[in-house]
Amino acid sequence: MKVISFSFAVVLVLHGLAYSQDLQPPVELGAQGAKVRAEVNKRGVGQSRVRVSLRDGTEVKGYISEIDDISFALTDQKSGNVTTISYADVSKIKRQGLSKPVKVLIICGVVFGALFGMGAALGRNNG
């Protein structure tokens, strides 16, 4: 009788543990929220500075200091203020500063300008 009672108690405890993890429903982010979460995860914590445009029209700048399932935290580099932002509240997220294609174009322009200037100077000396 004691073995049956003990076995029944163990089954009840294990059964309760199995269902206790499902108490919180999964969070629905929608297509835009999932896209933002993927972008935040791609950037990583502390890796790059970002500019986040929110649905209410405000803009927050800083680096990603924390990533969660439903939100992420931005820390302002100058003031150190931490702002927690829900993925659903974000309308656009982009990296601060110049993009790689713009940097490449600037470098190509400088090199082309230098070559053109050297060619013009050499042409003057020979002619």
N, C-alpha and C. Protein backbone atom coordinates (compact mmCIF):
# COMPACT_ATOMS: atom_id res chain seq x y z
N MET A 1 0.83 -1.19 0.00
CA MET A 1 0.00 0.00 0.00
C MET A 1 0.87 1.26 0.00
N LYS A 2 1.98 1.21 0.77
CA LYS A 2 2.87 2.38 0.83
C LYS A 2 3.52 2.62 -0.53
N VAL A 3 3.86 1.58 -1.25
CA VAL A 3 4.50 1.72 -2.55
C VAL A 3 3.53 2.36 -3.54
N ILE A 4 2.30 1.96 -3.51
CA ILE A 4 1.29 2.52 -4.42
C ILE A 4 1.06 3.99 -4.09
N SER A 5 0.96 4.34 -2.83
CA SER A 5 0.76 5.74 -2.43
C SER A 5 1.95 6.59 -2.83
N PHE A 6 3.17 6.08 -2.61
CA PHE A 6 4.37 6.82 -2.98
C PHE A 6 4.44 7.00 -4.50
N SER A 7 4.14 5.97 -5.25
CA SER A 7 4.16 6.05 -6.72
C SER A 7 3.13 7.06 -7.21
N PHE A 8 1.96 7.06 -6.63
CA PHE A 8 0.92 8.01 -7.01
C PHE A 8 1.36 9.45 -6.72
N ALA A 9 2.01 9.67 -5.59
CA ALA A 9 2.49 11.00 -5.23
C ALA A 9 3.56 11.48 -6.21
N VAL A 10 4.47 10.58 -6.60
CA VAL A 10 5.52 10.93 -7.56
C VAL A 10 4.90 11.29 -8.90
N VAL A 11 3.93 10.51 -9.35
CA VAL A 11 3.26 10.79 -10.62
C VAL A 11 2.57 12.15 -10.58
N LEU A 12 1.92 12.49 -9.50
CA LEU A 12 1.25 13.78 -9.38
C LEU A 12 2.24 14.94 -9.41
N VAL A 13 3.36 14.80 -8.73
CA VAL A 13 4.37 15.86 -8.72
C VAL A 13 4.96 16.04 -10.11
N LEU A 14 5.33 14.96 -10.75
CA LEU A 14 5.91 15.05 -12.10
C LEU A 14 4.91 15.60 -13.10
N HIS A 15 3.66 15.22 -12.96
CA HIS A 15 2.62 15.73 -13.85
C HIS A 15 2.45 17.24 -13.67
N GLY A 16 2.49 17.69 -12.44
CA GLY A 16 2.39 19.13 -12.17
C GLY A 16 3.57 19.91 -12.72
N LEU A 17 4.76 19.35 -12.65
CA LEU A 17 5.95 20.01 -13.19
C LEU A 17 5.90 20.10 -14.71
N ALA A 18 5.35 19.10 -15.35
CA ALA A 18 5.31 19.09 -16.81
C ALA A 18 4.43 20.22 -17.34
N TYR A 19 3.35 20.53 -16.67
CA TYR A 19 2.44 21.57 -17.14
C TYR A 19 2.74 22.95 -16.58
N SER A 20 3.57 23.05 -15.56
CA SER A 20 3.84 24.36 -14.96
C SER A 20 4.66 25.24 -15.88
N GLN A 21 5.38 24.67 -16.84
CA GLN A 21 6.20 25.46 -17.75
C GLN A 21 5.36 26.13 -18.83
N ASP A 22 4.17 25.68 -19.08
CA ASP A 22 3.32 26.22 -20.14
C ASP A 22 2.34 27.27 -19.63
N LEU A 23 2.57 27.84 -18.48
CA LEU A 23 1.62 28.80 -17.92
C LEU A 23 1.59 30.11 -18.70
N GLN A 24 2.73 30.56 -19.24
CA GLN A 24 2.77 31.80 -19.99
C GLN A 24 2.54 31.51 -21.47
N PRO A 25 1.56 32.17 -22.06
CA PRO A 25 1.32 31.94 -23.49
C PRO A 25 2.45 32.53 -24.32
N PRO A 26 2.72 31.95 -25.47
CA PRO A 26 3.78 32.52 -26.32
C PRO A 26 3.39 33.92 -26.79
N VAL A 27 4.38 34.77 -26.93
CA VAL A 27 4.14 36.16 -27.31
C VAL A 27 4.05 36.26 -28.82
N GLU A 28 2.99 36.89 -29.31
CA GLU A 28 2.81 37.12 -30.74
C GLU A 28 3.40 38.47 -31.09
N LEU A 29 4.45 38.48 -31.90
CA LEU A 29 5.10 39.72 -32.28
C LEU A 29 4.58 40.26 -33.61
N GLY A 30 4.04 39.42 -34.43
CA GLY A 30 3.63 39.84 -35.76
C GLY A 30 4.83 39.82 -36.69
N ALA A 31 4.59 40.09 -37.97
CA ALA A 31 5.66 40.02 -38.96
C ALA A 31 6.72 41.09 -38.72
N GLN A 32 6.29 42.32 -38.44
CA GLN A 32 7.24 43.42 -38.22
C GLN A 32 8.06 43.18 -36.95
N GLY A 33 7.42 42.73 -35.88
CA GLY A 33 8.13 42.47 -34.64
C GLY A 33 9.15 41.36 -34.78
N ALA A 34 8.79 40.32 -35.53
CA ALA A 34 9.73 39.22 -35.75
C ALA A 34 10.92 39.68 -36.59
N LYS A 35 10.65 40.55 -37.55
CA LYS A 35 11.73 41.09 -38.39
C LYS A 35 12.68 41.95 -37.54
N VAL A 36 12.11 42.76 -36.66
CA VAL A 36 12.92 43.62 -35.78
C VAL A 36 13.74 42.76 -34.83
N ARG A 37 13.12 41.72 -34.26
CA ARG A 37 13.84 40.83 -33.34
C ARG A 37 15.01 40.15 -34.06
N ALA A 38 14.80 39.72 -35.30
CA ALA A 38 15.88 39.10 -36.07
C ALA A 38 17.01 40.10 -36.32
N GLU A 39 16.65 41.34 -36.62
CA GLU A 39 17.66 42.38 -36.86
C GLU A 39 18.45 42.68 -35.59
N VAL A 40 17.76 42.75 -34.45
CA VAL A 40 18.43 43.01 -33.17
C VAL A 40 19.36 41.85 -32.82
N ASN A 41 18.89 40.62 -33.02
CA ASN A 41 19.74 39.46 -32.73
C ASN A 41 20.94 39.41 -33.66
N LYS A 42 20.76 39.84 -34.91
CA LYS A 42 21.87 39.85 -35.86
C LYS A 42 22.93 40.85 -35.42
N ARG A 43 22.51 41.99 -34.91
CA ARG A 43 23.46 43.02 -34.48
C ARG A 43 24.18 42.60 -33.20
N GLY A 44 23.49 41.95 -32.28
CA GLY A 44 24.13 41.47 -31.06
C GLY A 44 24.23 42.54 -29.99
N VAL A 45 24.57 42.10 -28.80
CA VAL A 45 24.68 42.99 -27.64
C VAL A 45 26.01 43.74 -27.70
N GLY A 46 25.93 45.07 -27.62
CA GLY A 46 27.12 45.90 -27.53
C GLY A 46 27.96 45.97 -28.78
N GLN A 47 27.52 45.40 -29.87
CA GLN A 47 28.35 45.33 -31.07
C GLN A 47 28.32 46.60 -31.91
N SER A 48 27.13 47.18 -32.10
CA SER A 48 27.06 48.34 -32.98
C SER A 48 26.02 49.33 -32.46
N ARG A 49 26.22 50.57 -32.84
CA ARG A 49 25.26 51.60 -32.48
C ARG A 49 24.12 51.57 -33.47
N VAL A 50 22.91 51.77 -32.97
CA VAL A 50 21.73 51.74 -33.83
C VAL A 50 20.85 52.96 -33.57
N ARG A 51 20.02 53.23 -34.56
CA ARG A 51 19.01 54.28 -34.43
C ARG A 51 17.66 53.59 -34.63
N VAL A 52 16.79 53.69 -33.63
CA VAL A 52 15.50 53.01 -33.64
C VAL A 52 14.39 54.05 -33.77
N SER A 53 13.55 53.90 -34.80
CA SER A 53 12.38 54.75 -34.98
C SER A 53 11.18 54.00 -34.42
N LEU A 54 10.47 54.65 -33.50
CA LEU A 54 9.31 54.02 -32.88
C LEU A 54 8.03 54.40 -33.61
N ARG A 55 6.98 53.63 -33.37
CA ARG A 55 5.69 53.88 -34.04
C ARG A 55 5.09 55.23 -33.65
N ASP A 56 5.41 55.75 -32.47
CA ASP A 56 4.86 57.03 -32.05
C ASP A 56 5.62 58.22 -32.62
N GLY A 57 6.65 57.95 -33.45
CA GLY A 57 7.39 59.02 -34.11
C GLY A 57 8.69 59.41 -33.44
N THR A 58 8.96 58.91 -32.26
CA THR A 58 10.20 59.26 -31.57
C THR A 58 11.35 58.39 -32.09
N GLU A 59 12.56 58.83 -31.81
CA GLU A 59 13.75 58.11 -32.23
C GLU A 59 14.67 57.93 -31.04
N VAL A 60 15.24 56.75 -30.91
CA VAL A 60 16.15 56.44 -29.81
C VAL A 60 17.46 55.95 -30.42
N LYS A 61 18.57 56.49 -29.91
CA LYS A 61 19.90 56.10 -30.40
C LYS A 61 20.69 55.47 -29.26
N GLY A 62 21.55 54.56 -29.62
CA GLY A 62 22.43 53.96 -28.62
C GLY A 62 22.93 52.61 -29.08
N TYR A 63 23.47 51.85 -28.15
CA TYR A 63 23.91 50.50 -28.49
C TYR A 63 23.04 49.50 -27.74
N ILE A 64 22.89 48.32 -28.33
CA ILE A 64 22.03 47.28 -27.75
C ILE A 64 22.75 46.70 -26.54
N SER A 65 22.13 46.84 -25.37
CA SER A 65 22.77 46.38 -24.15
C SER A 65 22.12 45.12 -23.57
N GLU A 66 20.92 44.78 -24.05
CA GLU A 66 20.24 43.59 -23.54
C GLU A 66 19.21 43.14 -24.57
N ILE A 67 19.08 41.84 -24.74
CA ILE A 67 18.10 41.27 -25.67
C ILE A 67 17.23 40.29 -24.91
N ASP A 68 15.90 40.42 -25.08
CA ASP A 68 14.94 39.56 -24.40
C ASP A 68 14.01 38.96 -25.46
N ASP A 69 13.04 38.15 -25.04
CA ASP A 69 12.10 37.54 -25.98
C ASP A 69 11.13 38.55 -26.57
N ILE A 70 10.70 39.54 -25.77
CA ILE A 70 9.70 40.49 -26.24
C ILE A 70 10.21 41.92 -26.35
N SER A 71 11.44 42.15 -25.90
CA SER A 71 11.97 43.52 -25.93
C SER A 71 13.50 43.49 -25.95
N PHE A 72 14.07 44.67 -26.12
CA PHE A 72 15.52 44.83 -26.04
C PHE A 72 15.81 46.17 -25.39
N ALA A 73 17.02 46.35 -24.90
CA ALA A 73 17.38 47.58 -24.21
C ALA A 73 18.47 48.30 -24.99
N LEU A 74 18.28 49.63 -25.13
CA LEU A 74 19.28 50.49 -25.76
C LEU A 74 19.90 51.36 -24.68
N THR A 75 21.21 51.50 -24.72
CA THR A 75 21.91 52.36 -23.77
C THR A 75 22.53 53.52 -24.53
N ASP A 76 22.23 54.73 -24.09
CA ASP A 76 22.80 55.93 -24.69
C ASP A 76 24.26 56.02 -24.26
N GLN A 77 25.16 56.21 -25.23
CA GLN A 77 26.59 56.23 -24.91
C GLN A 77 26.98 57.44 -24.08
N LYS A 78 26.37 58.58 -24.34
CA LYS A 78 26.76 59.81 -23.63
C LYS A 78 26.21 59.84 -22.22
N SER A 79 24.90 59.62 -22.08
CA SER A 79 24.28 59.76 -20.77
C SER A 79 24.25 58.47 -19.97
N GLY A 80 24.29 57.31 -20.65
CA GLY A 80 24.20 56.03 -19.96
C GLY A 80 22.78 55.61 -19.65
N ASN A 81 21.79 56.39 -20.12
CA ASN A 81 20.38 56.04 -19.90
C ASN A 81 20.03 54.77 -20.66
N VAL A 82 19.30 53.88 -20.00
CA VAL A 82 18.87 52.63 -20.61
C VAL A 82 17.38 52.74 -20.93
N THR A 83 17.02 52.44 -22.19
CA THR A 83 15.63 52.46 -22.63
C THR A 83 15.24 51.07 -23.08
N THR A 84 14.19 50.50 -22.47
CA THR A 84 13.70 49.20 -22.88
C THR A 84 12.62 49.40 -23.93
N ILE A 85 12.77 48.71 -25.07
CA ILE A 85 11.88 48.90 -26.21
C ILE A 85 11.28 47.56 -26.59
N SER A 86 9.96 47.52 -26.74
CA SER A 86 9.28 46.33 -27.20
C SER A 86 9.45 46.20 -28.71
N TYR A 87 9.64 44.98 -29.20
CA TYR A 87 9.80 44.78 -30.63
C TYR A 87 8.58 45.29 -31.40
N ALA A 88 7.40 45.17 -30.81
CA ALA A 88 6.17 45.59 -31.48
C ALA A 88 6.09 47.10 -31.63
N ASP A 89 6.82 47.87 -30.82
CA ASP A 89 6.78 49.33 -30.88
C ASP A 89 7.72 49.92 -31.92
N VAL A 90 8.56 49.10 -32.55
CA VAL A 90 9.57 49.59 -33.48
C VAL A 90 9.01 49.64 -34.89
N SER A 91 9.21 50.78 -35.55
CA SER A 91 8.82 50.86 -36.96
C SER A 91 10.02 50.65 -37.87
N LYS A 92 11.23 51.07 -37.43
CA LYS A 92 12.43 50.91 -38.25
C LYS A 92 13.65 50.89 -37.34
N ILE A 93 14.62 50.05 -37.70
CA ILE A 93 15.88 50.01 -36.97
C ILE A 93 17.00 50.01 -38.01
N LYS A 94 17.97 50.89 -37.79
CA LYS A 94 19.10 50.92 -38.71
C LYS A 94 20.36 51.31 -37.96
N ARG A 95 21.48 50.98 -38.57
CA ARG A 95 22.77 51.26 -37.97
C ARG A 95 23.06 52.74 -38.05
N GLN A 96 23.68 53.28 -37.01
CA GLN A 96 24.09 54.68 -37.04
C GLN A 96 25.33 54.82 -37.89
N GLY A 97 25.49 55.98 -38.47
CA GLY A 97 26.68 56.24 -39.27
C GLY A 97 26.45 55.88 -40.73
N LEU A 98 27.53 55.87 -41.48
CA LEU A 98 27.46 55.60 -42.91
C LEU A 98 27.42 54.09 -43.16
N SER A 99 26.67 53.71 -44.21
CA SER A 99 26.62 52.30 -44.57
C SER A 99 27.88 51.91 -45.33
N LYS A 100 28.12 50.63 -45.46
CA LYS A 100 29.31 50.14 -46.16
C LYS A 100 29.36 50.60 -47.61
N PRO A 101 28.24 50.53 -48.38
CA PRO A 101 28.32 51.01 -49.76
C PRO A 101 28.68 52.49 -49.87
N VAL A 102 28.20 53.30 -48.97
CA VAL A 102 28.54 54.73 -48.99
C VAL A 102 30.02 54.92 -48.69
N LYS A 103 30.56 54.18 -47.74
CA LYS A 103 31.99 54.28 -47.42
C LYS A 103 32.84 53.87 -48.61
N VAL A 104 32.42 52.80 -49.31
CA VAL A 104 33.16 52.34 -50.49
C VAL A 104 33.12 53.40 -51.58
N LEU A 105 31.95 54.02 -51.79
CA LEU A 105 31.85 55.07 -52.80
C LEU A 105 32.74 56.27 -52.46
N ILE A 106 32.79 56.63 -51.22
CA ILE A 106 33.64 57.76 -50.80
C ILE A 106 35.11 57.43 -51.06
N ILE A 107 35.53 56.24 -50.69
CA ILE A 107 36.93 55.84 -50.91
C ILE A 107 37.25 55.81 -52.40
N CYS A 108 36.33 55.26 -53.22
CA CYS A 108 36.55 55.23 -54.67
C CYS A 108 36.64 56.65 -55.23
N GLY A 109 35.81 57.55 -54.75
CA GLY A 109 35.85 58.93 -55.21
C GLY A 109 37.17 59.61 -54.86
N VAL A 110 37.66 59.35 -53.66
CA VAL A 110 38.94 59.95 -53.25
C VAL A 110 40.07 59.40 -54.10
N VAL A 111 40.09 58.09 -54.33
CA VAL A 111 41.15 57.48 -55.14
C VAL A 111 41.08 58.00 -56.58
N PHE A 112 39.87 58.04 -57.14
CA PHE A 112 39.70 58.54 -58.50
C PHE A 112 40.15 60.00 -58.60
N GLY A 113 39.77 60.80 -57.62
CA GLY A 113 40.17 62.21 -57.60
C GLY A 113 41.68 62.36 -57.53
N ALA A 114 42.32 61.54 -56.71
CA ALA A 114 43.78 61.60 -56.59
C ALA A 114 44.45 61.20 -57.90
N LEU A 115 43.95 60.14 -58.52
CA LEU A 115 44.51 59.71 -59.80
C LEU A 115 44.30 60.75 -60.89
N PHE A 116 43.12 61.35 -60.92
CA PHE A 116 42.82 62.39 -61.90
C PHE A 116 43.73 63.60 -61.70
N GLY A 117 43.93 63.99 -60.44
CA GLY A 117 44.81 65.12 -60.13
C GLY A 117 46.25 64.84 -60.51
N MET A 118 46.71 63.62 -60.27
CA MET A 118 48.08 63.27 -60.65
C MET A 118 48.23 63.26 -62.17
N GLY A 119 47.21 62.76 -62.87
CA GLY A 119 47.25 62.74 -64.33
C GLY A 119 47.27 64.15 -64.90
N ALA A 120 46.49 65.04 -64.33
CA ALA A 120 46.46 66.42 -64.80
C ALA A 120 47.80 67.11 -64.53
N ALA A 121 48.39 66.84 -63.39
CA ALA A 121 49.69 67.46 -63.06
C ALA A 121 50.78 66.93 -63.97
N LEU A 122 50.75 65.66 -64.27
CA LEU A 122 51.76 65.08 -65.18
C LEU A 122 51.57 65.60 -66.60
N GLY A 123 50.33 65.79 -67.01
CA GLY A 123 50.02 66.30 -68.35
C GLY A 123 50.52 67.73 -68.53
N ARG A 124 50.44 68.52 -67.50
CA ARG A 124 50.92 69.91 -67.55
C ARG A 124 52.44 69.97 -67.69
N ASN A 125 53.10 69.09 -66.96
CA ASN A 125 54.56 69.09 -66.97
C ASN A 125 55.12 68.62 -68.31
N ASN A 126 54.43 67.74 -68.98
CA ASN A 126 54.90 67.19 -70.25
C ASN A 126 54.50 68.07 -71.44
N GLY A 127 53.55 68.91 -71.31
CA GLY A 127 53.02 69.64 -72.46
C GLY A 127 53.45 71.01 -72.53
